Amino acid sequence: MGVEVLRMSDPQPASFEELALPLLDSLYRYARWLTRDRSEAEDLVQEAYLKGLRGFQSFIAGSNMRAWMFRILRNTFLTSRTGLRAVPPISLDEQPEIGESIADPATPESNFLRNANVETLRRAIENLPPEFREVLLLCDVEGMRYKEIAEALSIPIGTVTSRLLRARQKVRRAFEES
């Protein structure tokens, strides 16, 4: 009579909820950038999670769940539009976390500097072409690595690097001109 051995090295596969729910806030912020509308962003995230759940059996364990979910969200957004060129300019007015730590809010002077810098940053990012804006937001706002961005946007990592460089140059120029 044989004894069946349970190997402790064989990890239990993680559930969709365990992998995807920690990404909710980041996905929602990205959806808000894309849609510029709270309600539409909520719908977009909900649809992305539904598609992710339905397609979870095709997710390869050990691969990058964050990039996979961001790709689903982006593709869902793009298919709801006529294409990437139809992405409206993104307002930063509803994203107060950008630039909040630029100055100490204790003095009127620092308030002025903070508001001036945030407004310049908002305008600079809003004026970026969508393909540059999206890479900049994923990297500098969401903290994604270049490889994750490449996976999420289905573009080569070299394209991520060049778009990010150009986006940062354009933003820097906007600060110099203001």
Protein backbone atom coordinates (compact mmCIF):
# COMPACT_ATOMS: atom_id res chain seq x y z
CA MET A 1 0.00 0.00 0.00
CA GLY A 2 1.59 3.32 -1.15
CA VAL A 3 1.48 6.63 0.64
CA GLU A 4 0.74 9.74 -1.41
CA VAL A 5 3.10 12.58 -0.57
CA LEU A 6 1.94 16.18 -0.76
CA ARG A 7 4.82 18.34 -1.87
CA MET A 8 5.03 21.62 -0.01
CA SER A 9 7.05 23.07 -2.92
CA ASP A 10 3.97 22.89 -5.18
CA PRO A 11 2.27 26.21 -4.42
CA GLN A 12 -1.45 26.55 -4.63
CA PRO A 13 -2.40 28.62 -7.64
CA ALA A 14 -3.43 32.11 -6.59
CA SER A 15 -6.99 33.13 -7.23
CA PHE A 16 -7.97 35.97 -9.53
CA GLU A 17 -9.11 37.98 -6.51
CA GLU A 18 -5.78 37.58 -4.70
CA LEU A 19 -3.84 38.77 -7.73
CA ALA A 20 -6.16 41.41 -9.17
CA LEU A 21 -7.80 43.16 -6.22
CA PRO A 22 -4.59 44.83 -4.99
CA LEU A 23 -4.43 46.56 -8.40
CA LEU A 24 -7.86 48.18 -8.09
CA ASP A 25 -6.68 51.65 -7.04
CA SER A 26 -3.97 51.86 -9.71
CA LEU A 27 -6.32 50.66 -12.42
CA TYR A 28 -8.96 53.15 -11.34
CA ARG A 29 -6.47 56.05 -11.37
CA TYR A 30 -5.35 55.05 -14.86
CA ALA A 31 -8.97 54.75 -16.01
CA ARG A 32 -9.66 58.25 -14.66
CA TRP A 33 -6.74 59.59 -16.68
CA LEU A 34 -8.05 57.90 -19.79
CA THR A 35 -11.73 58.74 -19.48
CA ARG A 36 -11.68 62.03 -17.56
CA ASP A 37 -14.96 60.92 -16.00
CA ARG A 38 -15.49 59.22 -12.63
CA SER A 39 -18.51 57.19 -13.70
CA GLU A 40 -16.98 56.11 -16.98
CA ALA A 41 -13.75 55.15 -15.18
CA GLU A 42 -15.69 53.02 -12.72
CA ASP A 43 -17.48 51.27 -15.60
CA LEU A 44 -14.19 50.76 -17.43
CA VAL A 45 -12.52 49.21 -14.39
CA GLN A 46 -15.53 46.99 -13.75
CA GLU A 47 -15.50 45.80 -17.35
CA ALA A 48 -11.75 45.18 -17.22
CA TYR A 49 -12.14 43.09 -14.06
CA LEU A 50 -14.98 41.15 -15.63
CA LYS A 51 -12.87 40.43 -18.73
CA GLY A 52 -9.91 39.52 -16.52
CA LEU A 53 -12.00 37.12 -14.48
CA ARG A 54 -13.48 35.52 -17.60
CA GLY A 55 -10.05 35.14 -19.17
CA PHE A 56 -8.18 34.18 -16.00
CA GLN A 57 -7.77 30.58 -17.14
CA SER A 58 -5.50 31.92 -19.93
CA PHE A 59 -3.33 33.85 -17.45
CA ILE A 60 0.01 32.11 -17.09
CA ALA A 61 0.90 31.63 -13.42
CA GLY A 62 4.06 33.48 -12.53
CA SER A 63 3.68 36.08 -15.26
CA ASN A 64 2.99 39.74 -14.59
CA MET A 65 -0.61 40.18 -13.43
CA ARG A 66 -0.25 43.97 -13.19
CA ALA A 67 0.80 44.32 -16.83
CA TRP A 68 -1.91 41.84 -17.86
CA MET A 69 -4.68 43.80 -16.11
CA PHE A 70 -3.44 47.18 -17.37
CA ARG A 71 -3.41 45.76 -20.91
CA ILE A 72 -6.99 44.53 -20.49
CA LEU A 73 -8.06 47.94 -19.16
CA ARG A 74 -6.32 49.84 -21.97
CA ASN A 75 -7.65 47.54 -24.69
CA THR A 76 -11.16 47.82 -23.24
CA PHE A 77 -10.85 51.59 -23.32
CA LEU A 78 -9.50 51.64 -26.88
CA THR A 79 -12.23 49.36 -28.18
CA SER A 80 -14.80 51.68 -26.61
CA ARG A 81 -13.37 54.47 -28.78
CA THR A 82 -12.51 54.62 -32.46
CA GLY A 83 -8.84 54.19 -31.59
CA LEU A 84 -5.96 55.77 -29.75
CA ARG A 85 -6.28 59.04 -31.68
CA ALA A 86 -9.77 59.47 -30.24
CA VAL A 87 -8.44 59.67 -26.68
CA PRO A 88 -9.53 63.08 -25.40
CA PRO A 89 -7.03 65.37 -23.72
CA ILE A 90 -6.61 64.22 -20.15
CA SER A 91 -7.34 66.67 -17.37
CA LEU A 92 -5.10 66.58 -14.36
CA ASP A 93 -7.53 68.69 -12.34
CA GLU A 94 -8.93 65.57 -10.70
CA GLN A 95 -5.53 64.12 -9.81
CA PRO A 96 -4.39 66.15 -6.79
CA GLU A 97 -1.70 63.66 -5.82
CA ILE A 98 0.57 64.93 -8.61
CA GLY A 99 2.78 67.64 -7.25
CA GLU A 100 1.23 67.68 -3.79
CA SER A 101 4.63 67.49 -2.17
CA ILE A 102 6.22 70.23 -4.28
CA ALA A 103 6.04 72.82 -1.50
CA ASP A 104 5.11 73.13 2.14
CA PRO A 105 1.53 74.42 2.25
CA ALA A 106 2.31 76.44 5.38
CA THR A 107 2.98 79.79 3.67
CA PRO A 108 1.18 81.76 0.96
CA GLU A 109 4.40 81.81 -1.07
CA SER A 110 4.74 78.05 -0.97
CA ASN A 111 1.04 77.69 -1.88
CA PHE A 112 1.62 79.91 -4.89
CA LEU A 113 4.71 77.95 -5.97
CA ARG A 114 2.96 74.63 -5.48
CA ASN A 115 -0.09 75.70 -7.47
CA ALA A 116 1.99 77.27 -10.24
CA ASN A 117 4.15 74.17 -10.56
CA VAL A 118 1.17 71.80 -10.48
CA GLU A 119 -0.65 73.86 -13.13
CA THR A 120 2.44 73.93 -15.35
CA LEU A 121 2.82 70.18 -14.92
CA ARG A 122 -0.86 69.60 -15.69
CA ARG A 123 -0.72 71.65 -18.86
CA ALA A 124 2.51 70.00 -19.97
CA ILE A 125 1.11 66.49 -19.51
CA GLU A 126 -2.24 67.39 -21.09
CA ASN A 127 -0.41 68.69 -24.17
CA LEU A 128 1.56 65.47 -24.67
CA PRO A 129 0.45 63.22 -27.52
CA PRO A 130 -1.53 60.27 -26.06
CA GLU A 131 1.21 57.70 -26.70
CA PHE A 132 3.74 59.79 -24.72
CA ARG A 133 1.26 60.74 -21.99
CA GLU A 134 0.27 57.14 -21.38
CA VAL A 135 3.87 55.92 -20.98
CA LEU A 136 4.71 58.84 -18.69
CA LEU A 137 1.67 58.20 -16.49
CA LEU A 138 2.30 54.47 -16.20
CA CYS A 139 5.94 55.01 -15.30
CA ASP A 140 5.97 58.15 -13.20
CA VAL A 141 2.50 58.06 -11.64
CA GLU A 142 1.80 54.33 -11.38
CA GLY A 143 5.43 53.33 -10.82
CA MET A 144 5.45 50.58 -13.43
CA ARG A 145 8.79 49.25 -14.67
CA TYR A 146 9.65 49.64 -18.36
CA LYS A 147 9.09 45.93 -18.97
CA GLU A 148 5.64 46.09 -17.34
CA ILE A 149 4.71 49.08 -19.47
CA ALA A 150 5.86 47.28 -22.61
CA GLU A 151 3.70 44.29 -21.67
CA ALA A 152 0.71 46.43 -20.72
CA LEU A 153 0.79 48.46 -23.93
CA SER A 154 1.98 45.62 -26.20
CA ILE A 155 4.94 47.64 -27.48
CA PRO A 156 8.68 46.92 -27.47
CA ILE A 157 10.65 48.03 -24.43
CA GLY A 158 12.76 50.27 -26.67
CA THR A 159 9.62 52.12 -27.69
CA VAL A 160 8.74 52.60 -24.02
CA THR A 161 12.20 54.03 -23.38
CA SER A 162 12.13 56.43 -26.32
CA ARG A 163 8.55 57.61 -25.65
CA LEU A 164 9.32 58.17 -21.99
CA LEU A 165 12.48 60.13 -22.84
CA ARG A 166 10.60 62.32 -25.31
CA ALA A 167 7.67 62.83 -22.91
CA ARG A 168 10.00 63.93 -20.12
CA GLN A 169 11.87 66.26 -22.49
CA LYS A 170 8.59 67.89 -23.55
CA VAL A 171 7.50 68.33 -19.92
CA ARG A 172 10.90 69.76 -18.99
CA ARG A 173 10.69 72.20 -21.91
CA ALA A 174 7.25 73.31 -20.75
CA PHE A 175 8.71 74.12 -17.32
CA GLU A 176 11.58 76.04 -18.88
CA GLU A 177 9.20 78.07 -21.03
CA SER A 178 6.88 78.97 -18.17
